[in-house]
Amino acid sequence: MRQPAKDSCLKRLGRIEGQVRGISRMVTEDRYCIDILTQLSAVRAALRRVEEEVLRDHVAHCVEHAITSGDANEQRQKVAELMEVFARAER
């Protein structure tokens, strides 16, 4: 992972970590269920943004390298990896 993407993801993950601790505290304190669900939804959305950033970096770095390398096996492998990621996202 390239450094700018890595830094951005780590910053986002740190915020998500804090959000999850907050949700745990909400559960411990018997907070209103809808408020907890709202926070859970926010964490899922934040994780999706991290996932998108990692995917974007992967395509811009790893997949691009495979394309420019001219290595057909490496190209097929990167496409297969992406297809597997998209298939898992559908589940």
N, C-alpha and C. Protein backbone atom coordinates (compact mmCIF):
# COMPACT_ATOMS: atom_id res chain seq x y z
N MET A 1 0.86 -1.17 0.00
CA MET A 1 0.00 0.00 0.00
C MET A 1 0.91 1.24 0.00
N ARG A 2 0.55 2.19 -0.84
CA ARG A 2 1.34 3.41 -0.90
C ARG A 2 1.09 4.26 0.34
N GLN A 3 2.08 5.05 0.73
CA GLN A 3 2.05 5.77 2.00
C GLN A 3 0.85 6.70 2.16
N PRO A 4 0.48 7.52 1.17
CA PRO A 4 -0.69 8.39 1.39
C PRO A 4 -1.97 7.61 1.71
N ALA A 5 -2.19 6.52 1.00
CA ALA A 5 -3.38 5.70 1.26
C ALA A 5 -3.27 5.03 2.63
N LYS A 6 -2.08 4.57 2.95
CA LYS A 6 -1.86 3.92 4.24
C LYS A 6 -2.16 4.90 5.38
N ASP A 7 -1.63 6.12 5.27
CA ASP A 7 -1.86 7.12 6.31
C ASP A 7 -3.35 7.44 6.47
N SER A 8 -4.02 7.60 5.33
CA SER A 8 -5.45 7.91 5.35
C SER A 8 -6.25 6.78 5.98
N CYS A 9 -5.94 5.55 5.60
CA CYS A 9 -6.66 4.39 6.15
C CYS A 9 -6.42 4.26 7.65
N LEU A 10 -5.19 4.44 8.07
CA LEU A 10 -4.90 4.34 9.51
C LEU A 10 -5.63 5.41 10.31
N LYS A 11 -5.73 6.61 9.74
CA LYS A 11 -6.45 7.69 10.41
C LYS A 11 -7.94 7.33 10.51
N ARG A 12 -8.51 6.84 9.42
CA ARG A 12 -9.92 6.44 9.44
C ARG A 12 -10.15 5.29 10.41
N LEU A 13 -9.26 4.31 10.40
CA LEU A 13 -9.42 3.15 11.29
C LEU A 13 -9.32 3.56 12.76
N GLY A 14 -8.48 4.55 13.05
CA GLY A 14 -8.40 5.05 14.43
C GLY A 14 -9.72 5.66 14.87
N ARG A 15 -10.34 6.41 13.96
CA ARG A 15 -11.66 6.98 14.29
C ARG A 15 -12.70 5.89 14.47
N ILE A 16 -12.65 4.89 13.60
CA ILE A 16 -13.60 3.78 13.70
C ILE A 16 -13.41 3.04 15.02
N GLU A 17 -12.17 2.85 15.41
CA GLU A 17 -11.88 2.20 16.69
C GLU A 17 -12.54 2.96 17.84
N GLY A 18 -12.45 4.27 17.80
CA GLY A 18 -13.09 5.09 18.83
C GLY A 18 -14.61 4.96 18.78
N GLN A 19 -15.16 4.92 17.56
CA GLN A 19 -16.61 4.74 17.42
C GLN A 19 -17.06 3.41 18.02
N VAL A 20 -16.30 2.36 17.77
CA VAL A 20 -16.67 1.03 18.29
C VAL A 20 -16.60 1.02 19.81
N ARG A 21 -15.58 1.64 20.36
CA ARG A 21 -15.51 1.73 21.83
C ARG A 21 -16.72 2.50 22.37
N GLY A 22 -17.12 3.55 21.65
CA GLY A 22 -18.30 4.31 22.06
C GLY A 22 -19.57 3.46 22.02
N ILE A 23 -19.68 2.64 21.00
CA ILE A 23 -20.85 1.76 20.90
C ILE A 23 -20.85 0.76 22.05
N SER A 24 -19.70 0.22 22.37
CA SER A 24 -19.60 -0.71 23.50
C SER A 24 -20.05 -0.03 24.79
N ARG A 25 -19.63 1.20 24.95
CA ARG A 25 -20.03 1.95 26.14
C ARG A 25 -21.54 2.18 26.14
N MET A 26 -22.10 2.45 24.96
CA MET A 26 -23.55 2.65 24.86
C MET A 26 -24.31 1.39 25.28
N VAL A 27 -23.82 0.24 24.85
CA VAL A 27 -24.46 -1.02 25.21
C VAL A 27 -24.36 -1.23 26.72
N THR A 28 -23.18 -1.01 27.27
CA THR A 28 -22.97 -1.16 28.71
C THR A 28 -23.92 -0.26 29.50
N GLU A 29 -24.14 0.94 28.99
CA GLU A 29 -24.99 1.92 29.68
C GLU A 29 -26.48 1.77 29.35
N ASP A 30 -26.83 0.70 28.63
CA ASP A 30 -28.23 0.45 28.25
C ASP A 30 -28.86 1.63 27.52
N ARG A 31 -28.12 2.19 26.58
CA ARG A 31 -28.64 3.31 25.79
C ARG A 31 -29.74 2.83 24.86
N TYR A 32 -30.49 3.76 24.35
CA TYR A 32 -31.63 3.49 23.48
C TYR A 32 -31.16 2.71 22.24
N CYS A 33 -31.88 1.63 21.94
CA CYS A 33 -31.48 0.72 20.85
C CYS A 33 -31.30 1.43 19.51
N ILE A 34 -32.19 2.35 19.20
CA ILE A 34 -32.11 3.06 17.92
C ILE A 34 -30.82 3.88 17.85
N ASP A 35 -30.41 4.46 18.95
CA ASP A 35 -29.16 5.22 18.97
C ASP A 35 -27.97 4.30 18.71
N ILE A 36 -28.01 3.11 19.29
CA ILE A 36 -26.93 2.13 19.06
C ILE A 36 -26.93 1.70 17.60
N LEU A 37 -28.10 1.41 17.05
CA LEU A 37 -28.19 1.01 15.65
C LEU A 37 -27.69 2.10 14.71
N THR A 38 -27.98 3.34 15.05
CA THR A 38 -27.50 4.46 14.24
C THR A 38 -25.98 4.50 14.23
N GLN A 39 -25.38 4.29 15.38
CA GLN A 39 -23.91 4.29 15.46
C GLN A 39 -23.31 3.09 14.73
N LEU A 40 -23.96 1.93 14.82
CA LEU A 40 -23.49 0.76 14.09
C LEU A 40 -23.51 1.00 12.59
N SER A 41 -24.54 1.66 12.13
CA SER A 41 -24.65 1.99 10.71
C SER A 41 -23.52 2.94 10.30
N ALA A 42 -23.20 3.89 11.15
CA ALA A 42 -22.11 4.83 10.87
C ALA A 42 -20.77 4.11 10.77
N VAL A 43 -20.55 3.13 11.64
CA VAL A 43 -19.30 2.36 11.60
C VAL A 43 -19.21 1.54 10.32
N ARG A 44 -20.32 0.91 9.93
CA ARG A 44 -20.32 0.14 8.67
C ARG A 44 -19.98 1.04 7.49
N ALA A 45 -20.56 2.23 7.46
CA ALA A 45 -20.29 3.16 6.37
C ALA A 45 -18.82 3.59 6.38
N ALA A 46 -18.27 3.83 7.55
CA ALA A 46 -16.86 4.22 7.66
C ALA A 46 -15.95 3.09 7.20
N LEU A 47 -16.28 1.86 7.56
CA LEU A 47 -15.50 0.70 7.10
C LEU A 47 -15.57 0.54 5.58
N ARG A 48 -16.74 0.81 5.02
CA ARG A 48 -16.86 0.75 3.55
C ARG A 48 -15.95 1.77 2.89
N ARG A 49 -15.84 2.95 3.48
CA ARG A 49 -14.95 3.98 2.92
C ARG A 49 -13.49 3.53 2.97
N VAL A 50 -13.10 2.89 4.06
CA VAL A 50 -11.73 2.36 4.15
C VAL A 50 -11.53 1.28 3.10
N GLU A 51 -12.52 0.40 2.97
CA GLU A 51 -12.43 -0.67 1.99
C GLU A 51 -12.28 -0.09 0.58
N GLU A 52 -13.04 0.94 0.26
CA GLU A 52 -12.96 1.58 -1.05
C GLU A 52 -11.58 2.18 -1.28
N GLU A 53 -11.03 2.79 -0.25
CA GLU A 53 -9.71 3.41 -0.39
C GLU A 53 -8.62 2.35 -0.61
N VAL A 54 -8.70 1.25 0.12
CA VAL A 54 -7.73 0.16 -0.07
C VAL A 54 -7.88 -0.41 -1.48
N LEU A 55 -9.10 -0.61 -1.93
CA LEU A 55 -9.33 -1.14 -3.27
C LEU A 55 -8.81 -0.18 -4.33
N ARG A 56 -9.09 1.10 -4.16
CA ARG A 56 -8.62 2.12 -5.10
C ARG A 56 -7.09 2.10 -5.18
N ASP A 57 -6.43 2.00 -4.04
CA ASP A 57 -4.97 1.97 -4.02
C ASP A 57 -4.46 0.68 -4.68
N HIS A 58 -5.13 -0.42 -4.41
CA HIS A 58 -4.73 -1.70 -5.00
C HIS A 58 -4.79 -1.63 -6.53
N VAL A 59 -5.88 -1.07 -7.04
CA VAL A 59 -6.02 -0.96 -8.49
C VAL A 59 -4.97 -0.01 -9.06
N ALA A 60 -4.77 1.11 -8.40
CA ALA A 60 -3.83 2.11 -8.90
C ALA A 60 -2.38 1.66 -8.80
N HIS A 61 -2.09 0.74 -7.90
CA HIS A 61 -0.71 0.34 -7.68
C HIS A 61 -0.46 -1.08 -8.18
N CYS A 62 -1.09 -2.05 -7.55
CA CYS A 62 -0.82 -3.47 -7.85
C CYS A 62 -1.36 -3.89 -9.21
N VAL A 63 -2.61 -3.55 -9.49
CA VAL A 63 -3.20 -3.95 -10.77
C VAL A 63 -2.52 -3.20 -11.92
N GLU A 64 -2.28 -1.93 -11.72
CA GLU A 64 -1.58 -1.16 -12.76
C GLU A 64 -0.21 -1.75 -13.05
N HIS A 65 0.50 -2.15 -12.00
CA HIS A 65 1.82 -2.77 -12.19
C HIS A 65 1.69 -4.05 -13.00
N ALA A 66 0.68 -4.86 -12.71
CA ALA A 66 0.48 -6.11 -13.46
C ALA A 66 0.19 -5.82 -14.93
N ILE A 67 -0.59 -4.79 -15.19
CA ILE A 67 -0.92 -4.44 -16.57
C ILE A 67 0.33 -3.99 -17.32
N THR A 68 1.11 -3.11 -16.71
CA THR A 68 2.29 -2.57 -17.39
C THR A 68 3.43 -3.57 -17.46
N SER A 69 3.39 -4.60 -16.62
CA SER A 69 4.47 -5.59 -16.62
C SER A 69 4.47 -6.45 -17.88
N GLY A 70 3.30 -6.58 -18.48
CA GLY A 70 3.18 -7.44 -19.66
C GLY A 70 3.11 -8.92 -19.32
N ASP A 71 3.15 -9.26 -18.04
CA ASP A 71 3.10 -10.65 -17.59
C ASP A 71 1.64 -11.11 -17.56
N ALA A 72 1.25 -11.93 -18.51
CA ALA A 72 -0.14 -12.36 -18.62
C ALA A 72 -0.61 -13.13 -17.39
N ASN A 73 0.26 -13.94 -16.79
CA ASN A 73 -0.13 -14.69 -15.59
C ASN A 73 -0.42 -13.74 -14.43
N GLU A 74 0.44 -12.74 -14.25
CA GLU A 74 0.23 -11.77 -13.17
C GLU A 74 -1.05 -10.98 -13.43
N GLN A 75 -1.31 -10.63 -14.67
CA GLN A 75 -2.54 -9.90 -15.01
C GLN A 75 -3.77 -10.73 -14.69
N ARG A 76 -3.76 -11.99 -15.07
CA ARG A 76 -4.89 -12.88 -14.77
C ARG A 76 -5.08 -13.03 -13.27
N GLN A 77 -3.99 -13.14 -12.54
CA GLN A 77 -4.07 -13.29 -11.08
C GLN A 77 -4.72 -12.06 -10.45
N LYS A 78 -4.32 -10.88 -10.88
CA LYS A 78 -4.89 -9.65 -10.30
C LYS A 78 -6.37 -9.52 -10.64
N VAL A 79 -6.74 -9.88 -11.85
CA VAL A 79 -8.16 -9.85 -12.23
C VAL A 79 -8.94 -10.86 -11.40
N ALA A 80 -8.39 -12.05 -11.21
CA ALA A 80 -9.06 -13.09 -10.41
C ALA A 80 -9.22 -12.62 -8.96
N GLU A 81 -8.21 -11.97 -8.42
CA GLU A 81 -8.30 -11.43 -7.05
C GLU A 81 -9.43 -10.41 -6.95
N LEU A 82 -9.49 -9.51 -7.91
CA LEU A 82 -10.55 -8.49 -7.90
C LEU A 82 -11.92 -9.13 -8.01
N MET A 83 -12.06 -10.11 -8.87
CA MET A 83 -13.34 -10.79 -9.02
C MET A 83 -13.76 -11.46 -7.71
N GLU A 84 -12.81 -12.05 -7.00
CA GLU A 84 -13.10 -12.69 -5.71
C GLU A 84 -13.54 -11.65 -4.68
N VAL A 85 -12.89 -10.50 -4.67
CA VAL A 85 -13.28 -9.42 -3.74
C VAL A 85 -14.70 -8.97 -4.04
N PHE A 86 -15.02 -8.78 -5.32
CA PHE A 86 -16.37 -8.34 -5.68
C PHE A 86 -17.40 -9.42 -5.36
N ALA A 87 -17.05 -10.68 -5.55
CA ALA A 87 -17.97 -11.78 -5.23
C ALA A 87 -18.25 -11.82 -3.73
N ARG A 88 -17.22 -11.64 -2.91
CA ARG A 88 -17.42 -11.63 -1.46
C ARG A 88 -18.29 -10.45 -1.03
N ALA A 89 -18.13 -9.33 -1.71
CA ALA A 89 -18.92 -8.14 -1.36
C ALA A 89 -20.40 -8.36 -1.62
N GLU A 90 -20.72 -9.23 -2.57
CA GLU A 90 -22.11 -9.52 -2.89
C GLU A 90 -22.79 -10.37 -1.83
N ARG A 91 -22.02 -11.08 -1.03
CA ARG A 91 -22.60 -11.99 -0.03
C ARG A 91 -23.13 -11.26 1.16
